[in-house]
Amino acid sequence: VPMLDEISRMTELDLKTVDCIAVAKGPGSFTGLRIGSATAKGLGLALDIPVAEVFTTDALAFNLYGTDKLVCPLMDARRDQVYTGLYEFQEKEHSYELKVLIPACAVSVDEILQKINESGREVVFLGDGVKVFKSVIEEKTEVPFSFAAPGNMLQRASSVATLGAKLFKEGKAVPAREHVPDYLRPSQAERVKAESEQA
């Protein structure tokens, strides 16, 4: 929050002119998502403006705006899984629109690679999961593939903001009090509790 306050002062931004808060709703680390969501929700409530919820994998894919290849974000979800999805860009009126082919999900790398192989299309991988699973990708990907350039490899606030602005324009932002992060799977504490109750 102090950093946001400093940025608003540096840019001479009047917070009363802000129409909407864009936030990465998940997936991602539980702590990171809670902090981001609490901040977005607090600002939204204080300013009485809505929140545009952007899937983190959507925002990652948007880093490769305009590519004619499939885009596969890979975020390390631990426990031999990745947060991922599959995307493409469709040309539309002198610009490109991000199309979701496989929505954000938590699966094994093998499962998403199988879907990519079945598509038969060239793909670009990006995200912190690339470094973790690079050898698996290289071994099991049967279609032409590449890795995003370093500057496009990780999450960018600008991608979240751009997609958030689109959601707001389409009337798809939610009231701040209704915003909740989407973890895609239970937290470790919830898993341990469930396992102990089954024992």
C-alpha atoms as a PDB file:
ATOM      1  CA  VAL A   1       0.000   0.000   0.000  1.00  0.00           C
ATOM      2  CA  PRO A   2       2.785   2.532   0.745  1.00  0.00           C
ATOM      3  CA  MET A   3       4.255   1.743  -2.695  1.00  0.00           C
ATOM      4  CA  LEU A   4       0.891   2.366  -4.358  1.00  0.00           C
ATOM      5  CA  ASP A   5       0.587   5.624  -2.449  1.00  0.00           C
ATOM      6  CA  GLU A   6       4.056   6.671  -3.605  1.00  0.00           C
ATOM      7  CA  ILE A   7       3.267   5.801  -7.246  1.00  0.00           C
ATOM      8  CA  SER A   8       0.033   7.798  -7.136  1.00  0.00           C
ATOM      9  CA  ARG A   9       1.928  10.807  -5.758  1.00  0.00           C
ATOM     10  CA  MET A  10       4.759  10.476  -8.299  1.00  0.00           C
ATOM     11  CA  THR A  11       2.302  10.329 -11.190  1.00  0.00           C
ATOM     12  CA  GLU A  12       0.013  12.958  -9.626  1.00  0.00           C
ATOM     13  CA  LEU A  13      -2.875  10.503  -9.890  1.00  0.00           C
ATOM     14  CA  ASP A  14      -6.110  11.562  -8.244  1.00  0.00           C
ATOM     15  CA  LEU A  15      -7.560   8.282  -6.928  1.00  0.00           C
ATOM     16  CA  LYS A  16     -11.050   9.748  -7.335  1.00  0.00           C
ATOM     17  CA  THR A  17     -10.538   9.485 -11.112  1.00  0.00           C
ATOM     18  CA  VAL A  18      -9.953   5.706 -10.968  1.00  0.00           C
ATOM     19  CA  ASP A  19     -12.915   3.739 -12.383  1.00  0.00           C
ATOM     20  CA  CYS A  20     -11.909   0.185 -11.523  1.00  0.00           C
ATOM     21  CA  ILE A  21      -9.208  -1.900  -9.837  1.00  0.00           C
ATOM     22  CA  ALA A  22      -7.736  -4.769 -11.896  1.00  0.00           C
ATOM     23  CA  VAL A  23      -6.339  -7.688  -9.933  1.00  0.00           C
ATOM     24  CA  ALA A  24      -4.869 -11.098 -10.714  1.00  0.00           C
ATOM     25  CA  LYS A  25      -7.510 -13.350  -9.134  1.00  0.00           C
ATOM     26  CA  GLY A  26      -5.407 -16.513  -9.348  1.00  0.00           C
ATOM     27  CA  PRO A  27      -4.067 -19.046  -9.656  1.00  0.00           C
ATOM     28  CA  GLY A  28      -0.835 -18.408  -7.793  1.00  0.00           C
ATOM     29  CA  SER A  29       0.711 -18.604  -4.361  1.00  0.00           C
ATOM     30  CA  PHE A  30      -1.874 -18.547  -1.581  1.00  0.00           C
ATOM     31  CA  THR A  31      -0.088 -15.762   0.309  1.00  0.00           C
ATOM     32  CA  GLY A  32       0.464 -13.634  -2.789  1.00  0.00           C
ATOM     33  CA  LEU A  33      -3.149 -13.967  -3.901  1.00  0.00           C
ATOM     34  CA  ARG A  34      -4.488 -13.125  -0.444  1.00  0.00           C
ATOM     35  CA  ILE A  35      -2.341  -9.981  -0.235  1.00  0.00           C
ATOM     36  CA  GLY A  36      -3.225  -8.837  -3.761  1.00  0.00           C
ATOM     37  CA  SER A  37      -6.924  -9.564  -3.320  1.00  0.00           C
ATOM     38  CA  ALA A  38      -7.128  -7.881   0.090  1.00  0.00           C
ATOM     39  CA  THR A  39      -5.428  -4.777  -1.304  1.00  0.00           C
ATOM     40  CA  ALA A  40      -7.659  -4.629  -4.388  1.00  0.00           C
ATOM     41  CA  LYS A  41     -10.774  -5.238  -2.331  1.00  0.00           C
ATOM     42  CA  GLY A  42      -9.793  -2.590   0.241  1.00  0.00           C
ATOM     43  CA  LEU A  43      -9.127   0.007  -2.448  1.00  0.00           C
ATOM     44  CA  GLY A  44     -12.340  -0.877  -4.245  1.00  0.00           C
ATOM     45  CA  LEU A  45     -14.394  -0.526  -1.078  1.00  0.00           C
ATOM     46  CA  ALA A  46     -12.673   2.708  -0.045  1.00  0.00           C
ATOM     47  CA  LEU A  47     -13.116   4.286  -3.482  1.00  0.00           C
ATOM     48  CA  ASP A  48     -16.520   2.677  -4.091  1.00  0.00           C
ATOM     49  CA  ILE A  49     -15.433   1.203  -7.422  1.00  0.00           C
ATOM     50  CA  PRO A  50     -15.588  -2.354  -8.834  1.00  0.00           C
ATOM     51  CA  VAL A  51     -12.838  -4.933  -9.218  1.00  0.00           C
ATOM     52  CA  ALA A  52     -11.927  -6.586 -12.525  1.00  0.00           C
ATOM     53  CA  GLU A  53     -10.814 -10.146 -11.834  1.00  0.00           C
ATOM     54  CA  VAL A  54      -8.185 -11.421 -14.288  1.00  0.00           C
ATOM     55  CA  PHE A  55      -6.942 -15.005 -14.302  1.00  0.00           C
ATOM     56  CA  THR A  56      -3.170 -15.006 -13.858  1.00  0.00           C
ATOM     57  CA  THR A  57      -2.725 -17.463 -16.724  1.00  0.00           C
ATOM     58  CA  ASP A  58      -4.787 -15.209 -19.019  1.00  0.00           C
ATOM     59  CA  ALA A  59      -2.548 -12.263 -18.152  1.00  0.00           C
ATOM     60  CA  LEU A  60       0.582 -14.345 -18.741  1.00  0.00           C
ATOM     61  CA  ALA A  61      -0.680 -15.418 -22.155  1.00  0.00           C
ATOM     62  CA  PHE A  62      -1.434 -11.788 -23.012  1.00  0.00           C
ATOM     63  CA  ASN A  63       2.319 -11.053 -22.743  1.00  0.00           C
ATOM     64  CA  LEU A  64       2.629 -12.649 -26.208  1.00  0.00           C
ATOM     65  CA  TYR A  65      -0.022 -10.411 -27.778  1.00  0.00           C
ATOM     66  CA  GLY A  66      -0.497 -11.024 -31.495  1.00  0.00           C
ATOM     67  CA  THR A  67       1.445 -14.264 -31.897  1.00  0.00           C
ATOM     68  CA  ASP A  68       0.062 -16.738 -34.436  1.00  0.00           C
ATOM     69  CA  LYS A  69       1.147 -19.683 -32.281  1.00  0.00           C
ATOM     70  CA  LEU A  70      -0.614 -21.362 -29.388  1.00  0.00           C
ATOM     71  CA  VAL A  71       0.350 -19.879 -26.026  1.00  0.00           C
ATOM     72  CA  CYS A  72       0.823 -22.081 -22.966  1.00  0.00           C
ATOM     73  CA  PRO A  73       1.541 -20.383 -19.625  1.00  0.00           C
ATOM     74  CA  LEU A  74       3.103 -22.682 -17.052  1.00  0.00           C
ATOM     75  CA  MET A  75       3.216 -21.689 -13.381  1.00  0.00           C
ATOM     76  CA  ASP A  76       4.873 -24.031 -10.911  1.00  0.00           C
ATOM     77  CA  ALA A  77       2.055 -25.240  -8.629  1.00  0.00           C
ATOM     78  CA  ARG A  78       4.322 -27.664  -6.690  1.00  0.00           C
ATOM     79  CA  ARG A  79       3.376 -31.301  -6.074  1.00  0.00           C
ATOM     80  CA  ASP A  80       4.287 -32.110  -9.731  1.00  0.00           C
ATOM     81  CA  GLN A  81       1.539 -29.853 -11.070  1.00  0.00           C
ATOM     82  CA  VAL A  82       1.346 -26.609 -13.016  1.00  0.00           C
ATOM     83  CA  TYR A  83      -1.236 -23.867 -13.191  1.00  0.00           C
ATOM     84  CA  THR A  84      -1.801 -23.582 -16.891  1.00  0.00           C
ATOM     85  CA  GLY A  85      -4.221 -23.047 -19.751  1.00  0.00           C
ATOM     86  CA  LEU A  86      -4.061 -22.847 -23.525  1.00  0.00           C
ATOM     87  CA  TYR A  87      -4.647 -19.725 -25.599  1.00  0.00           C
ATOM     88  CA  GLU A  88      -4.531 -18.220 -29.062  1.00  0.00           C
ATOM     89  CA  PHE A  89      -4.915 -14.737 -30.499  1.00  0.00           C
ATOM     90  CA  GLN A  90      -7.597 -14.045 -33.086  1.00  0.00           C
ATOM     91  CA  GLU A  91      -7.328 -11.035 -35.375  1.00  0.00           C
ATOM     92  CA  LYS A  92     -10.207  -8.627 -34.901  1.00  0.00           C
ATOM     93  CA  GLU A  93     -10.555  -5.166 -36.433  1.00  0.00           C
ATOM     94  CA  HIS A  94      -6.866  -4.270 -36.701  1.00  0.00           C
ATOM     95  CA  SER A  95      -6.072  -5.780 -33.300  1.00  0.00           C
ATOM     96  CA  TYR A  96      -5.998  -9.174 -31.614  1.00  0.00           C
ATOM     97  CA  GLU A  97      -8.293 -10.784 -29.096  1.00  0.00           C
ATOM     98  CA  LEU A  98      -7.159 -13.388 -26.597  1.00  0.00           C
ATOM     99  CA  LYS A  99      -9.193 -16.584 -26.966  1.00  0.00           C
ATOM    100  CA  VAL A 100      -9.216 -19.157 -24.166  1.00  0.00           C
ATOM    101  CA  LEU A 101      -8.939 -22.696 -25.543  1.00  0.00           C
ATOM    102  CA  ILE A 102      -8.356 -24.385 -22.179  1.00  0.00           C
ATOM    103  CA  PRO A 103      -9.307 -22.297 -19.106  1.00  0.00           C
ATOM    104  CA  ALA A 104      -6.987 -21.885 -16.125  1.00  0.00           C
ATOM    105  CA  CYS A 105      -6.494 -25.242 -14.411  1.00  0.00           C
ATOM    106  CA  ALA A 106      -4.137 -27.172 -12.129  1.00  0.00           C
ATOM    107  CA  VAL A 107      -2.873 -30.312 -13.885  1.00  0.00           C
ATOM    108  CA  SER A 108       0.277 -32.330 -14.429  1.00  0.00           C
ATOM    109  CA  VAL A 109       2.709 -31.129 -17.104  1.00  0.00           C
ATOM    110  CA  ASP A 110       2.144 -34.391 -18.962  1.00  0.00           C
ATOM    111  CA  GLU A 111      -1.593 -33.656 -19.204  1.00  0.00           C
ATOM    112  CA  ILE A 112      -1.231 -30.211 -20.771  1.00  0.00           C
ATOM    113  CA  LEU A 113       1.539 -31.429 -23.092  1.00  0.00           C
ATOM    114  CA  GLN A 114      -0.767 -34.198 -24.299  1.00  0.00           C
ATOM    115  CA  LYS A 115      -3.442 -31.606 -25.162  1.00  0.00           C
ATOM    116  CA  ILE A 116      -0.849 -29.537 -27.035  1.00  0.00           C
ATOM    117  CA  ASN A 117       0.406 -32.571 -28.959  1.00  0.00           C
ATOM    118  CA  GLU A 118      -3.173 -33.435 -29.911  1.00  0.00           C
ATOM    119  CA  SER A 119      -3.660 -29.911 -31.299  1.00  0.00           C
ATOM    120  CA  GLY A 120      -0.840 -30.394 -33.789  1.00  0.00           C
ATOM    121  CA  ARG A 121      -0.012 -26.681 -33.609  1.00  0.00           C
ATOM    122  CA  GLU A 122       3.190 -24.828 -32.795  1.00  0.00           C
ATOM    123  CA  VAL A 123       3.271 -23.486 -29.243  1.00  0.00           C
ATOM    124  CA  VAL A 124       5.151 -20.954 -27.125  1.00  0.00           C
ATOM    125  CA  PHE A 125       5.687 -21.680 -23.423  1.00  0.00           C
ATOM    126  CA  LEU A 126       6.152 -19.034 -20.744  1.00  0.00           C
ATOM    127  CA  GLY A 127       5.963 -18.660 -16.970  1.00  0.00           C
ATOM    128  CA  ASP A 128       8.101 -19.730 -14.024  1.00  0.00           C
ATOM    129  CA  GLY A 129       7.120 -23.358 -14.672  1.00  0.00           C
ATOM    130  CA  VAL A 130       9.248 -23.365 -17.836  1.00  0.00           C
ATOM    131  CA  LYS A 131      12.464 -23.398 -15.812  1.00  0.00           C
ATOM    132  CA  VAL A 132      11.170 -26.146 -13.517  1.00  0.00           C
ATOM    133  CA  PHE A 133       9.825 -28.434 -16.260  1.00  0.00           C
ATOM    134  CA  LYS A 134      12.054 -27.513 -19.205  1.00  0.00           C
ATOM    135  CA  SER A 135      13.524 -31.002 -19.606  1.00  0.00           C
ATOM    136  CA  VAL A 136      10.046 -32.594 -19.590  1.00  0.00           C
ATOM    137  CA  ILE A 137       8.828 -30.070 -22.166  1.00  0.00           C
ATOM    138  CA  GLU A 138      11.790 -30.750 -24.425  1.00  0.00           C
ATOM    139  CA  GLU A 139      11.369 -34.506 -24.096  1.00  0.00           C
ATOM    140  CA  LYS A 140       7.604 -34.841 -24.498  1.00  0.00           C
ATOM    141  CA  THR A 141       6.468 -32.000 -26.763  1.00  0.00           C
ATOM    142  CA  GLU A 142       5.846 -33.473 -30.219  1.00  0.00           C
ATOM    143  CA  VAL A 143       4.933 -30.240 -32.032  1.00  0.00           C
ATOM    144  CA  PRO A 144       7.264 -27.335 -32.862  1.00  0.00           C
ATOM    145  CA  PHE A 145       7.740 -25.202 -29.759  1.00  0.00           C
ATOM    146  CA  SER A 146       9.716 -22.294 -28.336  1.00  0.00           C
ATOM    147  CA  PHE A 147      10.121 -20.411 -25.084  1.00  0.00           C
ATOM    148  CA  ALA A 148       9.141 -16.767 -24.604  1.00  0.00           C
ATOM    149  CA  ALA A 149      11.848 -14.116 -24.468  1.00  0.00           C
ATOM    150  CA  PRO A 150      13.015 -13.211 -20.939  1.00  0.00           C
ATOM    151  CA  GLY A 151      11.117  -9.897 -20.962  1.00  0.00           C
ATOM    152  CA  ASN A 152       7.843 -11.705 -21.646  1.00  0.00           C
ATOM    153  CA  MET A 153       8.427 -14.795 -19.521  1.00  0.00           C
ATOM    154  CA  LEU A 154       6.857 -13.726 -16.212  1.00  0.00           C
ATOM    155  CA  GLN A 155       3.712 -11.949 -15.005  1.00  0.00           C
ATOM    156  CA  ARG A 156       3.351  -8.263 -15.873  1.00  0.00           C
ATOM    157  CA  ALA A 157       1.030  -5.790 -14.192  1.00  0.00           C
ATOM    158  CA  SER A 158       0.411  -4.143 -17.566  1.00  0.00           C
ATOM    159  CA  SER A 159      -1.167  -7.335 -18.919  1.00  0.00           C
ATOM    160  CA  VAL A 160      -3.453  -7.598 -15.885  1.00  0.00           C
ATOM    161  CA  ALA A 161      -4.396  -3.925 -16.302  1.00  0.00           C
ATOM    162  CA  THR A 162      -5.144  -4.265 -20.030  1.00  0.00           C
ATOM    163  CA  LEU A 163      -7.358  -7.316 -19.580  1.00  0.00           C
ATOM    164  CA  GLY A 164      -8.969  -5.727 -16.516  1.00  0.00           C
ATOM    165  CA  ALA A 165      -9.843  -2.610 -18.519  1.00  0.00           C
ATOM    166  CA  LYS A 166     -11.466  -4.813 -21.159  1.00  0.00           C
ATOM    167  CA  LEU A 167     -13.554  -6.621 -18.535  1.00  0.00           C
ATOM    168  CA  PHE A 168     -14.615  -3.277 -17.052  1.00  0.00           C
ATOM    169  CA  LYS A 169     -15.602  -1.929 -20.476  1.00  0.00           C
ATOM    170  CA  GLU A 170     -17.670  -5.084 -21.087  1.00  0.00           C
ATOM    171  CA  GLY A 171     -19.460  -4.655 -17.748  1.00  0.00           C
ATOM    172  CA  LYS A 172     -17.840  -7.757 -16.258  1.00  0.00           C
ATOM    173  CA  ALA A 173     -16.170  -6.194 -13.218  1.00  0.00           C
ATOM    174  CA  VAL A 174     -17.624  -7.215  -9.843  1.00  0.00           C
ATOM    175  CA  PRO A 175     -18.486  -5.155  -6.765  1.00  0.00           C
ATOM    176  CA  ALA A 176     -15.415  -4.985  -4.531  1.00  0.00           C
ATOM    177  CA  ARG A 177     -17.145  -6.720  -1.625  1.00  0.00           C
ATOM    178  CA  GLU A 178     -17.848  -9.759  -3.846  1.00  0.00           C
ATOM    179  CA  HIS A 179     -14.265 -10.273  -4.997  1.00  0.00           C
ATOM    180  CA  VAL A 180     -12.539 -13.451  -3.828  1.00  0.00           C
ATOM    181  CA  PRO A 181      -9.321 -15.028  -5.136  1.00  0.00           C
ATOM    182  CA  ASP A 182      -9.525 -18.269  -7.109  1.00  0.00           C
ATOM    183  CA  TYR A 183      -6.886 -20.724  -5.897  1.00  0.00           C
ATOM    184  CA  LEU A 184      -8.041 -23.558  -8.212  1.00  0.00           C
ATOM    185  CA  ARG A 185      -7.216 -26.115  -5.529  1.00  0.00           C
ATOM    186  CA  PRO A 186      -7.345 -26.363  -1.725  1.00  0.00           C
ATOM    187  CA  SER A 187      -4.526 -24.890   0.369  1.00  0.00           C
ATOM    188  CA  GLN A 188      -2.049 -27.222   2.061  1.00  0.00           C
ATOM    189  CA  ALA A 189      -3.774 -26.647   5.409  1.00  0.00           C
ATOM    190  CA  GLU A 190      -7.125 -27.606   3.872  1.00  0.00           C
ATOM    191  CA  ARG A 191      -5.595 -30.716   2.287  1.00  0.00           C
ATOM    192  CA  VAL A 192      -4.007 -31.815   5.572  1.00  0.00           C
ATOM    193  CA  LYS A 193      -7.279 -31.290   7.403  1.00  0.00           C
ATOM    194  CA  ALA A 194      -9.226 -33.286   4.797  1.00  0.00           C
ATOM    195  CA  GLU A 195      -6.677 -36.110   4.914  1.00  0.00           C
ATOM    196  CA  SER A 196      -6.802 -36.261   8.727  1.00  0.00           C
ATOM    197  CA  GLU A 197     -10.622 -36.397   8.667  1.00  0.00           C
ATOM    198  CA  GLN A 198     -10.500 -39.327   6.205  1.00  0.00           C
ATOM    199  CA  ALA A 199      -7.996 -41.254   8.345  1.00  0.00           C
END
